[in-house]
């Protein structure tokens, strides 16, 4: 998903638009996670970027998306850019304390 979300509208309240953005993001992530995993892949990982525009977007972690959406709402931005791309993920073993 590469999308510029508008969070201002003459008839719709800003809170409702922000809520709709969160719902779209959650729905997209759920849909991507439910896709069949390729051979040798443990889970779906996500590359995320957030910014005021596509050119200003910086990489963020998946768990930080809501925090950045809140921040955009507090700054009273008209719109923001969000990019979420699914990629195959591989689990790495944690080193044991004895090693």
C-alpha atoms as a PDB file:
ATOM      1  CA  UNK A   1       0.000   0.000   0.000  1.00  0.00           C
ATOM      2  CA  UNK A   2       1.430   3.340  -1.060  1.00  0.00           C
ATOM      3  CA  UNK A   3      -1.072   6.048  -0.346  1.00  0.00           C
ATOM      4  CA  UNK A   4      -1.462   9.695   0.590  1.00  0.00           C
ATOM      5  CA  UNK A   5      -4.281   9.977   3.113  1.00  0.00           C
ATOM      6  CA  UNK A   6      -6.262  13.205   3.364  1.00  0.00           C
ATOM      7  CA  UNK A   7      -7.456  13.941   6.890  1.00  0.00           C
ATOM      8  CA  UNK A   8      -9.439  17.090   6.147  1.00  0.00           C
ATOM      9  CA  UNK A   9     -12.877  17.244   4.575  1.00  0.00           C
ATOM     10  CA  UNK A  10     -15.515  19.991   4.589  1.00  0.00           C
ATOM     11  CA  UNK A  11     -18.320  17.711   5.827  1.00  0.00           C
ATOM     12  CA  UNK A  12     -16.582  14.873   7.666  1.00  0.00           C
ATOM     13  CA  UNK A  13     -15.022  15.408  11.084  1.00  0.00           C
ATOM     14  CA  UNK A  14     -11.282  14.877  11.383  1.00  0.00           C
ATOM     15  CA  UNK A  15     -11.676  12.200  14.076  1.00  0.00           C
ATOM     16  CA  UNK A  16     -13.779  10.072  11.725  1.00  0.00           C
ATOM     17  CA  UNK A  17     -11.235  10.416   8.912  1.00  0.00           C
ATOM     18  CA  UNK A  18      -8.371   9.401  11.210  1.00  0.00           C
ATOM     19  CA  UNK A  19     -10.412   6.446  12.422  1.00  0.00           C
ATOM     20  CA  UNK A  20     -11.034   5.434   8.787  1.00  0.00           C
ATOM     21  CA  UNK A  21      -7.295   5.599   8.041  1.00  0.00           C
ATOM     22  CA  UNK A  22      -6.508   3.359  11.004  1.00  0.00           C
ATOM     23  CA  UNK A  23      -9.164   0.903   9.837  1.00  0.00           C
ATOM     24  CA  UNK A  24      -7.749   0.839   6.283  1.00  0.00           C
ATOM     25  CA  UNK A  25      -4.236   0.181   7.594  1.00  0.00           C
ATOM     26  CA  UNK A  26      -5.404  -2.578   9.932  1.00  0.00           C
ATOM     27  CA  UNK A  27      -7.480  -4.186   7.169  1.00  0.00           C
ATOM     28  CA  UNK A  28      -4.546  -4.108   4.705  1.00  0.00           C
ATOM     29  CA  UNK A  29      -2.128  -5.668   7.212  1.00  0.00           C
ATOM     30  CA  UNK A  30      -4.617  -8.412   8.097  1.00  0.00           C
ATOM     31  CA  UNK A  31      -5.229  -9.181   4.415  1.00  0.00           C
ATOM     32  CA  UNK A  32      -1.491  -9.410   3.696  1.00  0.00           C
ATOM     33  CA  UNK A  33      -0.832 -11.630   6.731  1.00  0.00           C
ATOM     34  CA  UNK A  34      -3.566 -14.048   5.637  1.00  0.00           C
ATOM     35  CA  UNK A  35      -1.897 -14.660   2.257  1.00  0.00           C
ATOM     36  CA  UNK A  36      -0.176 -18.003   1.798  1.00  0.00           C
ATOM     37  CA  UNK A  37       3.479 -17.973   2.827  1.00  0.00           C
ATOM     38  CA  UNK A  38       6.077 -18.893   0.183  1.00  0.00           C
ATOM     39  CA  UNK A  39       8.223 -21.985   0.745  1.00  0.00           C
ATOM     40  CA  UNK A  40      10.867 -21.475   3.441  1.00  0.00           C
ATOM     41  CA  UNK A  41       9.320 -18.296   4.872  1.00  0.00           C
ATOM     42  CA  UNK A  42       8.317 -18.055   8.553  1.00  0.00           C
ATOM     43  CA  UNK A  43       6.072 -14.967   8.535  1.00  0.00           C
ATOM     44  CA  UNK A  44       5.126 -11.805   6.644  1.00  0.00           C
ATOM     45  CA  UNK A  45       7.263  -8.812   7.561  1.00  0.00           C
ATOM     46  CA  UNK A  46       6.497  -5.226   6.553  1.00  0.00           C
ATOM     47  CA  UNK A  47       8.585  -2.302   5.331  1.00  0.00           C
ATOM     48  CA  UNK A  48       6.887   0.929   6.405  1.00  0.00           C
ATOM     49  CA  UNK A  49       7.482   4.580   5.571  1.00  0.00           C
ATOM     50  CA  UNK A  50       5.672   7.648   6.874  1.00  0.00           C
ATOM     51  CA  UNK A  51       5.950  11.342   6.016  1.00  0.00           C
ATOM     52  CA  UNK A  52       4.123  14.518   5.121  1.00  0.00           C
ATOM     53  CA  UNK A  53       4.824  13.747   1.442  1.00  0.00           C
ATOM     54  CA  UNK A  54       6.239  10.775  -0.438  1.00  0.00           C
ATOM     55  CA  UNK A  55       9.618  12.517  -0.813  1.00  0.00           C
ATOM     56  CA  UNK A  56       9.877  13.268   2.937  1.00  0.00           C
ATOM     57  CA  UNK A  57       8.854   9.757   4.051  1.00  0.00           C
ATOM     58  CA  UNK A  58      11.216   7.989   6.446  1.00  0.00           C
ATOM     59  CA  UNK A  59      11.327   4.355   7.496  1.00  0.00           C
ATOM     60  CA  UNK A  60       9.389   3.398  10.610  1.00  0.00           C
ATOM     61  CA  UNK A  61       8.503   0.160  12.383  1.00  0.00           C
ATOM     62  CA  UNK A  62       5.084  -1.405  11.876  1.00  0.00           C
ATOM     63  CA  UNK A  63       4.183  -0.932  15.538  1.00  0.00           C
ATOM     64  CA  UNK A  64       4.793   2.854  15.285  1.00  0.00           C
ATOM     65  CA  UNK A  65       2.175   3.578  12.617  1.00  0.00           C
ATOM     66  CA  UNK A  66      -0.576   4.622  15.069  1.00  0.00           C
ATOM     67  CA  UNK A  67       1.851   6.893  16.917  1.00  0.00           C
ATOM     68  CA  UNK A  68       2.750   8.679  13.678  1.00  0.00           C
ATOM     69  CA  UNK A  69      -0.917   8.992  12.669  1.00  0.00           C
ATOM     70  CA  UNK A  70      -1.613  10.581  16.087  1.00  0.00           C
ATOM     71  CA  UNK A  71       1.318  12.929  15.561  1.00  0.00           C
ATOM     72  CA  UNK A  72      -0.027  13.984  12.130  1.00  0.00           C
ATOM     73  CA  UNK A  73      -3.435  14.653  13.695  1.00  0.00           C
ATOM     74  CA  UNK A  74      -1.889  16.746  16.498  1.00  0.00           C
ATOM     75  CA  UNK A  75       0.054  18.814  13.957  1.00  0.00           C
ATOM     76  CA  UNK A  76      -3.234  19.377  12.092  1.00  0.00           C
ATOM     77  CA  UNK A  77      -1.800  18.240   8.760  1.00  0.00           C
ATOM     78  CA  UNK A  78      -4.104  18.177   5.745  1.00  0.00           C
ATOM     79  CA  UNK A  79      -2.630  14.891   4.529  1.00  0.00           C
ATOM     80  CA  UNK A  80       0.208  12.437   5.035  1.00  0.00           C
ATOM     81  CA  UNK A  81       1.918   9.676   3.079  1.00  0.00           C
ATOM     82  CA  UNK A  82       2.011   6.076   4.320  1.00  0.00           C
ATOM     83  CA  UNK A  83       3.713   3.154   2.624  1.00  0.00           C
ATOM     84  CA  UNK A  84       3.386  -0.435   3.833  1.00  0.00           C
ATOM     85  CA  UNK A  85       4.961  -3.203   1.769  1.00  0.00           C
ATOM     86  CA  UNK A  86       4.843  -6.884   2.712  1.00  0.00           C
ATOM     87  CA  UNK A  87       8.019  -8.953   2.462  1.00  0.00           C
ATOM     88  CA  UNK A  88       8.962 -12.494   3.505  1.00  0.00           C
ATOM     89  CA  UNK A  89      10.407 -12.758   7.008  1.00  0.00           C
ATOM     90  CA  UNK A  90      12.736 -15.318   8.530  1.00  0.00           C
ATOM     91  CA  UNK A  91      12.983 -15.936  12.259  1.00  0.00           C
ATOM     92  CA  UNK A  92      16.432 -15.825  13.763  1.00  0.00           C
ATOM     93  CA  UNK A  93      17.357 -17.900  16.801  1.00  0.00           C
ATOM     94  CA  UNK A  94      18.229 -15.909  19.901  1.00  0.00           C
ATOM     95  CA  UNK A  95      21.642 -16.692  21.309  1.00  0.00           C
ATOM     96  CA  UNK A  96      21.495 -18.650  24.531  1.00  0.00           C
ATOM     97  CA  UNK A  97      23.174 -17.127  27.611  1.00  0.00           C
ATOM     98  CA  UNK A  98      25.685 -20.005  27.743  1.00  0.00           C
ATOM     99  CA  UNK A  99      27.155 -19.142  24.350  1.00  0.00           C
END
